[in-house]
Amino acid sequence: MLSLQSLAITYPRFSLNDISLEVKRGEYFVLFGPTGAGKTLIFELIAGLRKPGSGKIYIREQEVTKID
């Protein structure tokens, strides 16, 4: 299971605000949108390559938001 709860991150000319989603075991999830919409940034947050300004990330019910 993957859960994003109220994620937010801000850059000088771009921000993502209040991103929440849940992908349960056995489900498929597709993230699509136009260029520059923040898709790659969301995956970088999930992978731990970037840290959100606020919100939480859970993988298998364990919070991984601040794991280095």
PDB file of N, CA and C in Angstrom:
ATOM      1  N   MET A   1       0.823  -1.172   0.000  1.00  0.00           N
ATOM      2  CA  MET A   1       0.000   0.000   0.000  1.00  0.00           C
ATOM      3  C   MET A   1       0.880   1.253   0.000  1.00  0.00           C
ATOM      4  N   LEU A   2       0.443   2.248  -0.709  1.00  0.00           N
ATOM      5  CA  LEU A   2       1.112   3.548  -0.765  1.00  0.00           C
ATOM      6  C   LEU A   2       0.073   4.605  -0.421  1.00  0.00           C
ATOM      7  N   SER A   3       0.440   5.515   0.457  1.00  0.00           N
ATOM      8  CA  SER A   3      -0.482   6.577   0.837  1.00  0.00           C
ATOM      9  C   SER A   3       0.276   7.903   0.927  1.00  0.00           C
ATOM     10  N   LEU A   4      -0.244   8.905   0.250  1.00  0.00           N
ATOM     11  CA  LEU A   4       0.272  10.273   0.349  1.00  0.00           C
ATOM     12  C   LEU A   4      -0.810  11.092   1.032  1.00  0.00           C
ATOM     13  N   GLN A   5      -0.432  11.816   2.072  1.00  0.00           N
ATOM     14  CA  GLN A   5      -1.414  12.591   2.824  1.00  0.00           C
ATOM     15  C   GLN A   5      -1.014  14.055   2.872  1.00  0.00           C
ATOM     16  N   SER A   6      -1.764  14.864   2.162  1.00  0.00           N
ATOM     17  CA  SER A   6      -1.613  16.330   2.175  1.00  0.00           C
ATOM     18  C   SER A   6      -0.189  16.791   1.883  1.00  0.00           C
ATOM     19  N   LEU A   7       0.467  16.174   0.901  1.00  0.00           N
ATOM     20  CA  LEU A   7       1.830  16.576   0.541  1.00  0.00           C
ATOM     21  C   LEU A   7       1.836  17.961  -0.090  1.00  0.00           C
ATOM     22  N   ALA A   8       2.859  18.712   0.236  1.00  0.00           N
ATOM     23  CA  ALA A   8       3.054  20.031  -0.366  1.00  0.00           C
ATOM     24  C   ALA A   8       4.548  20.280  -0.491  1.00  0.00           C
ATOM     25  N   ILE A   9       4.926  20.922  -1.580  1.00  0.00           N
ATOM     26  CA  ILE A   9       6.310  21.334  -1.792  1.00  0.00           C
ATOM     27  C   ILE A   9       6.270  22.598  -2.642  1.00  0.00           C
ATOM     28  N   THR A  10       7.138  23.539  -2.330  1.00  0.00           N
ATOM     29  CA  THR A  10       7.138  24.829  -3.027  1.00  0.00           C
ATOM     30  C   THR A  10       8.529  25.164  -3.540  1.00  0.00           C
ATOM     31  N   TYR A  11       8.554  25.598  -4.772  1.00  0.00           N
ATOM     32  CA  TYR A  11       9.761  26.123  -5.407  1.00  0.00           C
ATOM     33  C   TYR A  11       9.461  27.560  -5.814  1.00  0.00           C
ATOM     34  N   PRO A  12      10.465  28.331  -6.200  1.00  0.00           N
ATOM     35  CA  PRO A  12      10.207  29.742  -6.523  1.00  0.00           C
ATOM     36  C   PRO A  12       9.089  29.979  -7.543  1.00  0.00           C
ATOM     37  N   ARG A  13       8.995  29.129  -8.558  1.00  0.00           N
ATOM     38  CA  ARG A  13       7.984  29.366  -9.595  1.00  0.00           C
ATOM     39  C   ARG A  13       7.023  28.202  -9.778  1.00  0.00           C
ATOM     40  N   PHE A  14       6.975  27.279  -8.806  1.00  0.00           N
ATOM     41  CA  PHE A  14       6.128  26.100  -8.935  1.00  0.00           C
ATOM     42  C   PHE A  14       5.807  25.549  -7.558  1.00  0.00           C
ATOM     43  N   SER A  15       4.608  25.043  -7.382  1.00  0.00           N
ATOM     44  CA  SER A  15       4.284  24.397  -6.105  1.00  0.00           C
ATOM     45  C   SER A  15       3.229  23.316  -6.307  1.00  0.00           C
ATOM     46  N   LEU A  16       3.302  22.317  -5.457  1.00  0.00           N
ATOM     47  CA  LEU A  16       2.259  21.298  -5.354  1.00  0.00           C
ATOM     48  C   LEU A  16       1.648  21.472  -3.973  1.00  0.00           C
ATOM     49  N   ASN A  17       0.325  21.457  -3.896  1.00  0.00           N
ATOM     50  CA  ASN A  17      -0.353  21.674  -2.617  1.00  0.00           C
ATOM     51  C   ASN A  17      -1.425  20.622  -2.387  1.00  0.00           C
ATOM     52  N   ASP A  18      -1.443  20.076  -1.184  1.00  0.00           N
ATOM     53  CA  ASP A  18      -2.492  19.167  -0.730  1.00  0.00           C
ATOM     54  C   ASP A  18      -2.679  17.963  -1.665  1.00  0.00           C
ATOM     55  N   ILE A  19      -1.586  17.268  -1.971  1.00  0.00           N
ATOM     56  CA  ILE A  19      -1.644  16.069  -2.799  1.00  0.00           C
ATOM     57  C   ILE A  19      -1.904  14.871  -1.887  1.00  0.00           C
ATOM     58  N   SER A  20      -3.034  14.215  -2.089  1.00  0.00           N
ATOM     59  CA  SER A  20      -3.388  13.038  -1.297  1.00  0.00           C
ATOM     60  C   SER A  20      -3.861  11.938  -2.240  1.00  0.00           C
ATOM     61  N   LEU A  21      -3.406  10.718  -1.976  1.00  0.00           N
ATOM     62  CA  LEU A  21      -3.859   9.563  -2.749  1.00  0.00           C
ATOM     63  C   LEU A  21      -3.550   8.297  -1.978  1.00  0.00           C
ATOM     64  N   GLU A  22      -4.220   7.221  -2.352  1.00  0.00           N
ATOM     65  CA  GLU A  22      -3.964   5.925  -1.728  1.00  0.00           C
ATOM     66  C   GLU A  22      -4.041   4.852  -2.804  1.00  0.00           C
ATOM     67  N   VAL A  23      -3.020   4.011  -2.834  1.00  0.00           N
ATOM     68  CA  VAL A  23      -2.978   2.875  -3.756  1.00  0.00           C
ATOM     69  C   VAL A  23      -2.912   1.629  -2.881  1.00  0.00           C
ATOM     70  N   LYS A  24      -3.956   0.811  -2.959  1.00  0.00           N
ATOM     71  CA  LYS A  24      -4.027  -0.380  -2.123  1.00  0.00           C
ATOM     72  C   LYS A  24      -3.352  -1.562  -2.806  1.00  0.00           C
ATOM     73  N   ARG A  25      -3.031  -2.556  -2.013  1.00  0.00           N
ATOM     74  CA  ARG A  25      -2.395  -3.776  -2.510  1.00  0.00           C
ATOM     75  C   ARG A  25      -3.229  -4.361  -3.649  1.00  0.00           C
ATOM     76  N   GLY A  26      -2.543  -4.693  -4.740  1.00  0.00           N
ATOM     77  CA  GLY A  26      -3.203  -5.288  -5.894  1.00  0.00           C
ATOM     78  C   GLY A  26      -3.762  -4.289  -6.883  1.00  0.00           C
ATOM     79  N   GLU A  27      -3.761  -3.013  -6.540  1.00  0.00           N
ATOM     80  CA  GLU A  27      -4.272  -1.989  -7.451  1.00  0.00           C
ATOM     81  C   GLU A  27      -3.151  -1.470  -8.346  1.00  0.00           C
ATOM     82  N   TYR A  28      -3.531  -0.972  -9.493  1.00  0.00           N
ATOM     83  CA  TYR A  28      -2.620  -0.276 -10.397  1.00  0.00           C
ATOM     84  C   TYR A  28      -2.937   1.202 -10.311  1.00  0.00           C
ATOM     85  N   PHE A  29      -1.903   2.015 -10.467  1.00  0.00           N
ATOM     86  CA  PHE A  29      -2.092   3.456 -10.388  1.00  0.00           C
ATOM     87  C   PHE A  29      -1.321   4.111 -11.522  1.00  0.00           C
ATOM     88  N   VAL A  30      -1.974   5.022 -12.207  1.00  0.00           N
ATOM     89  CA  VAL A  30      -1.345   5.759 -13.306  1.00  0.00           C
ATOM     90  C   VAL A  30      -1.454   7.244 -12.992  1.00  0.00           C
ATOM     91  N   LEU A  31      -0.354   7.935 -13.133  1.00  0.00           N
ATOM     92  CA  LEU A  31      -0.335   9.373 -12.921  1.00  0.00           C
ATOM     93  C   LEU A  31      -0.021  10.020 -14.268  1.00  0.00           C
ATOM     94  N   PHE A  32      -0.947  10.819 -14.775  1.00  0.00           N
ATOM     95  CA  PHE A  32      -0.698  11.455 -16.061  1.00  0.00           C
ATOM     96  C   PHE A  32      -1.163  12.906 -16.027  1.00  0.00           C
ATOM     97  N   GLY A  33      -0.606  13.679 -16.928  1.00  0.00           N
ATOM     98  CA  GLY A  33      -0.943  15.091 -17.030  1.00  0.00           C
ATOM     99  C   GLY A  33       0.024  15.761 -17.977  1.00  0.00           C
ATOM    100  N   PRO A  34      -0.163  17.035 -18.222  1.00  0.00           N
ATOM    101  CA  PRO A  34       0.695  17.740 -19.165  1.00  0.00           C
ATOM    102  C   PRO A  34       2.109  17.954 -18.615  1.00  0.00           C
ATOM    103  N   THR A  35       3.005  18.274 -19.500  1.00  0.00           N
ATOM    104  CA  THR A  35       4.375  18.599 -19.115  1.00  0.00           C
ATOM    105  C   THR A  35       4.365  19.740 -18.102  1.00  0.00           C
ATOM    106  N   GLY A  36       5.156  19.579 -17.049  1.00  0.00           N
ATOM    107  CA  GLY A  36       5.258  20.628 -16.043  1.00  0.00           C
ATOM    108  C   GLY A  36       4.188  20.592 -14.975  1.00  0.00           C
ATOM    109  N   ALA A  37       3.369  19.531 -14.942  1.00  0.00           N
ATOM    110  CA  ALA A  37       2.281  19.456 -13.970  1.00  0.00           C
ATOM    111  C   ALA A  37       2.727  18.943 -12.602  1.00  0.00           C
ATOM    112  N   GLY A  38       3.946  18.343 -12.516  1.00  0.00           N
ATOM    113  CA  GLY A  38       4.451  17.878 -11.236  1.00  0.00           C
ATOM    114  C   GLY A  38       4.505  16.370 -11.075  1.00  0.00           C
ATOM    115  N   LYS A  39       4.279  15.621 -12.137  1.00  0.00           N
ATOM    116  CA  LYS A  39       4.297  14.153 -12.061  1.00  0.00           C
ATOM    117  C   LYS A  39       5.638  13.626 -11.576  1.00  0.00           C
ATOM    118  N   THR A  40       6.707  14.070 -12.179  1.00  0.00           N
ATOM    119  CA  THR A  40       8.045  13.614 -11.786  1.00  0.00           C
ATOM    120  C   THR A  40       8.351  14.025 -10.359  1.00  0.00           C
ATOM    121  N   LEU A  41       7.961  15.198  -9.962  1.00  0.00           N
ATOM    122  CA  LEU A  41       8.194  15.669  -8.599  1.00  0.00           C
ATOM    123  C   LEU A  41       7.482  14.766  -7.586  1.00  0.00           C
ATOM    124  N   ILE A  42       6.268  14.341  -7.886  1.00  0.00           N
ATOM    125  CA  ILE A  42       5.548  13.428  -6.993  1.00  0.00           C
ATOM    126  C   ILE A  42       6.312  12.115  -6.851  1.00  0.00           C
ATOM    127  N   PHE A  43       6.806  11.568  -7.962  1.00  0.00           N
ATOM    128  CA  PHE A  43       7.575  10.322  -7.883  1.00  0.00           C
ATOM    129  C   PHE A  43       8.896  10.521  -7.143  1.00  0.00           C
ATOM    130  N   GLU A  44       9.519  11.677  -7.288  1.00  0.00           N
ATOM    131  CA  GLU A  44      10.747  11.968  -6.532  1.00  0.00           C
ATOM    132  C   GLU A  44      10.460  12.056  -5.036  1.00  0.00           C
ATOM    133  N   LEU A  45       9.319  12.589  -4.659  1.00  0.00           N
ATOM    134  CA  LEU A  45       8.928  12.624  -3.252  1.00  0.00           C
ATOM    135  C   LEU A  45       8.710  11.208  -2.716  1.00  0.00           C
ATOM    136  N   ILE A  46       8.016  10.381  -3.480  1.00  0.00           N
ATOM    137  CA  ILE A  46       7.769   8.997  -3.068  1.00  0.00           C
ATOM    138  C   ILE A  46       9.083   8.232  -2.929  1.00  0.00           C
ATOM    139  N   ALA A  47      10.004   8.450  -3.847  1.00  0.00           N
ATOM    140  CA  ALA A  47      11.291   7.741  -3.828  1.00  0.00           C
ATOM    141  C   ALA A  47      12.239   8.275  -2.761  1.00  0.00           C
ATOM    142  N   GLY A  48      11.916   9.398  -2.153  1.00  0.00           N
ATOM    143  CA  GLY A  48      12.781   9.970  -1.128  1.00  0.00           C
ATOM    144  C   GLY A  48      13.891  10.842  -1.675  1.00  0.00           C
ATOM    145  N   LEU A  49      13.829  11.172  -2.946  1.00  0.00           N
ATOM    146  CA  LEU A  49      14.848  12.033  -3.551  1.00  0.00           C
ATOM    147  C   LEU A  49      14.653  13.495  -3.162  1.00  0.00           C
ATOM    148  N   ARG A  50      13.423  13.843  -2.807  1.00  0.00           N
ATOM    149  CA  ARG A  50      13.107  15.194  -2.324  1.00  0.00           C
ATOM    150  C   ARG A  50      12.240  15.060  -1.081  1.00  0.00           C
ATOM    151  N   LYS A  51      12.302  16.046  -0.220  1.00  0.00           N
ATOM    152  CA  LYS A  51      11.513  16.050   1.012  1.00  0.00           C
ATOM    153  C   LYS A  51      10.373  17.056   0.872  1.00  0.00           C
ATOM    154  N   PRO A  52       9.169  16.664   1.243  1.00  0.00           N
ATOM    155  CA  PRO A  52       8.044  17.604   1.153  1.00  0.00           C
ATOM    156  C   PRO A  52       8.134  18.697   2.201  1.00  0.00           C
ATOM    157  N   GLY A  53       7.550  19.837   1.908  1.00  0.00           N
ATOM    158  CA  GLY A  53       7.470  20.904   2.896  1.00  0.00           C
ATOM    159  C   GLY A  53       6.501  20.544   4.003  1.00  0.00           C
ATOM    160  N   SER A  54       5.454  19.798   3.642  1.00  0.00           N
ATOM    161  CA  SER A  54       4.496  19.306   4.628  1.00  0.00           C
ATOM    162  C   SER A  54       3.813  18.067   4.076  1.00  0.00           C
ATOM    163  N   GLY A  55       3.145  17.336   4.942  1.00  0.00           N
ATOM    164  CA  GLY A  55       2.452  16.113   4.560  1.00  0.00           C
ATOM    165  C   GLY A  55       3.242  14.872   4.927  1.00  0.00           C
ATOM    166  N   LYS A  56       2.654  13.725   4.644  1.00  0.00           N
ATOM    167  CA  LYS A  56       3.267  12.451   5.016  1.00  0.00           C
ATOM    168  C   LYS A  56       3.160  11.437   3.891  1.00  0.00           C
ATOM    169  N   ILE A  57       4.151  10.533   3.852  1.00  0.00           N
ATOM    170  CA  ILE A  57       4.183   9.440   2.884  1.00  0.00           C
ATOM    171  C   ILE A  57       4.259   8.135   3.671  1.00  0.00           C
ATOM    172  N   TYR A  58       3.359   7.205   3.347  1.00  0.00           N
ATOM    173  CA  TYR A  58       3.345   5.896   3.989  1.00  0.00           C
ATOM    174  C   TYR A  58       3.516   4.806   2.930  1.00  0.00           C
ATOM    175  N   ILE A  59       4.359   3.850   3.228  1.00  0.00           N
ATOM    176  CA  ILE A  59       4.504   2.658   2.404  1.00  0.00           C
ATOM    177  C   ILE A  59       4.291   1.471   3.329  1.00  0.00           C
ATOM    178  N   ARG A  60       3.320   0.632   2.988  1.00  0.00           N
ATOM    179  CA  ARG A  60       2.946  -0.509   3.833  1.00  0.00           C
ATOM    180  C   ARG A  60       2.673  -0.071   5.274  1.00  0.00           C
ATOM    181  N   GLU A  61       1.942   1.023   5.411  1.00  0.00           N
ATOM    182  CA  GLU A  61       1.514   1.570   6.705  1.00  0.00           C
ATOM    183  C   GLU A  61       2.655   2.084   7.588  1.00  0.00           C
ATOM    184  N   GLN A  62       3.869   2.185   7.038  1.00  0.00           N
ATOM    185  CA  GLN A  62       4.995   2.757   7.778  1.00  0.00           C
ATOM    186  C   GLN A  62       5.308   4.125   7.184  1.00  0.00           C
ATOM    187  N   GLU A  63       5.399   5.125   8.052  1.00  0.00           N
ATOM    188  CA  GLU A  63       5.725   6.463   7.557  1.00  0.00           C
ATOM    189  C   GLU A  63       7.176   6.497   7.103  1.00  0.00           C
ATOM    190  N   VAL A  64       7.386   6.954   5.880  1.00  0.00           N
ATOM    191  CA  VAL A  64       8.732   7.025   5.306  1.00  0.00           C
ATOM    192  C   VAL A  64       9.084   8.448   4.894  1.00  0.00           C
ATOM    193  N   THR A  65       8.301   9.416   5.319  1.00  0.00           N
ATOM    194  CA  THR A  65       8.485  10.814   4.900  1.00  0.00           C
ATOM    195  C   THR A  65       9.876  11.322   5.225  1.00  0.00           C
ATOM    196  N   LYS A  66      10.398  11.011   6.397  1.00  0.00           N
ATOM    197  CA  LYS A  66      11.659  11.606   6.830  1.00  0.00           C
ATOM    198  C   LYS A  66      12.810  10.590   6.925  1.00  0.00           C
ATOM    199  N   ILE A  67      12.649   9.437   6.297  1.00  0.00           N
ATOM    200  CA  ILE A  67      13.723   8.449   6.297  1.00  0.00           C
ATOM    201  C   ILE A  67      14.802   8.908   5.316  1.00  0.00           C
ATOM    202  N   ASP A  68      16.044   8.906   5.760  1.00  0.00           N
ATOM    203  CA  ASP A  68      17.159   9.326   4.884  1.00  0.00           C
ATOM    204  C   ASP A  68      17.845   8.125   4.287  1.00  0.00           C
TER     205      ASP A  68
END
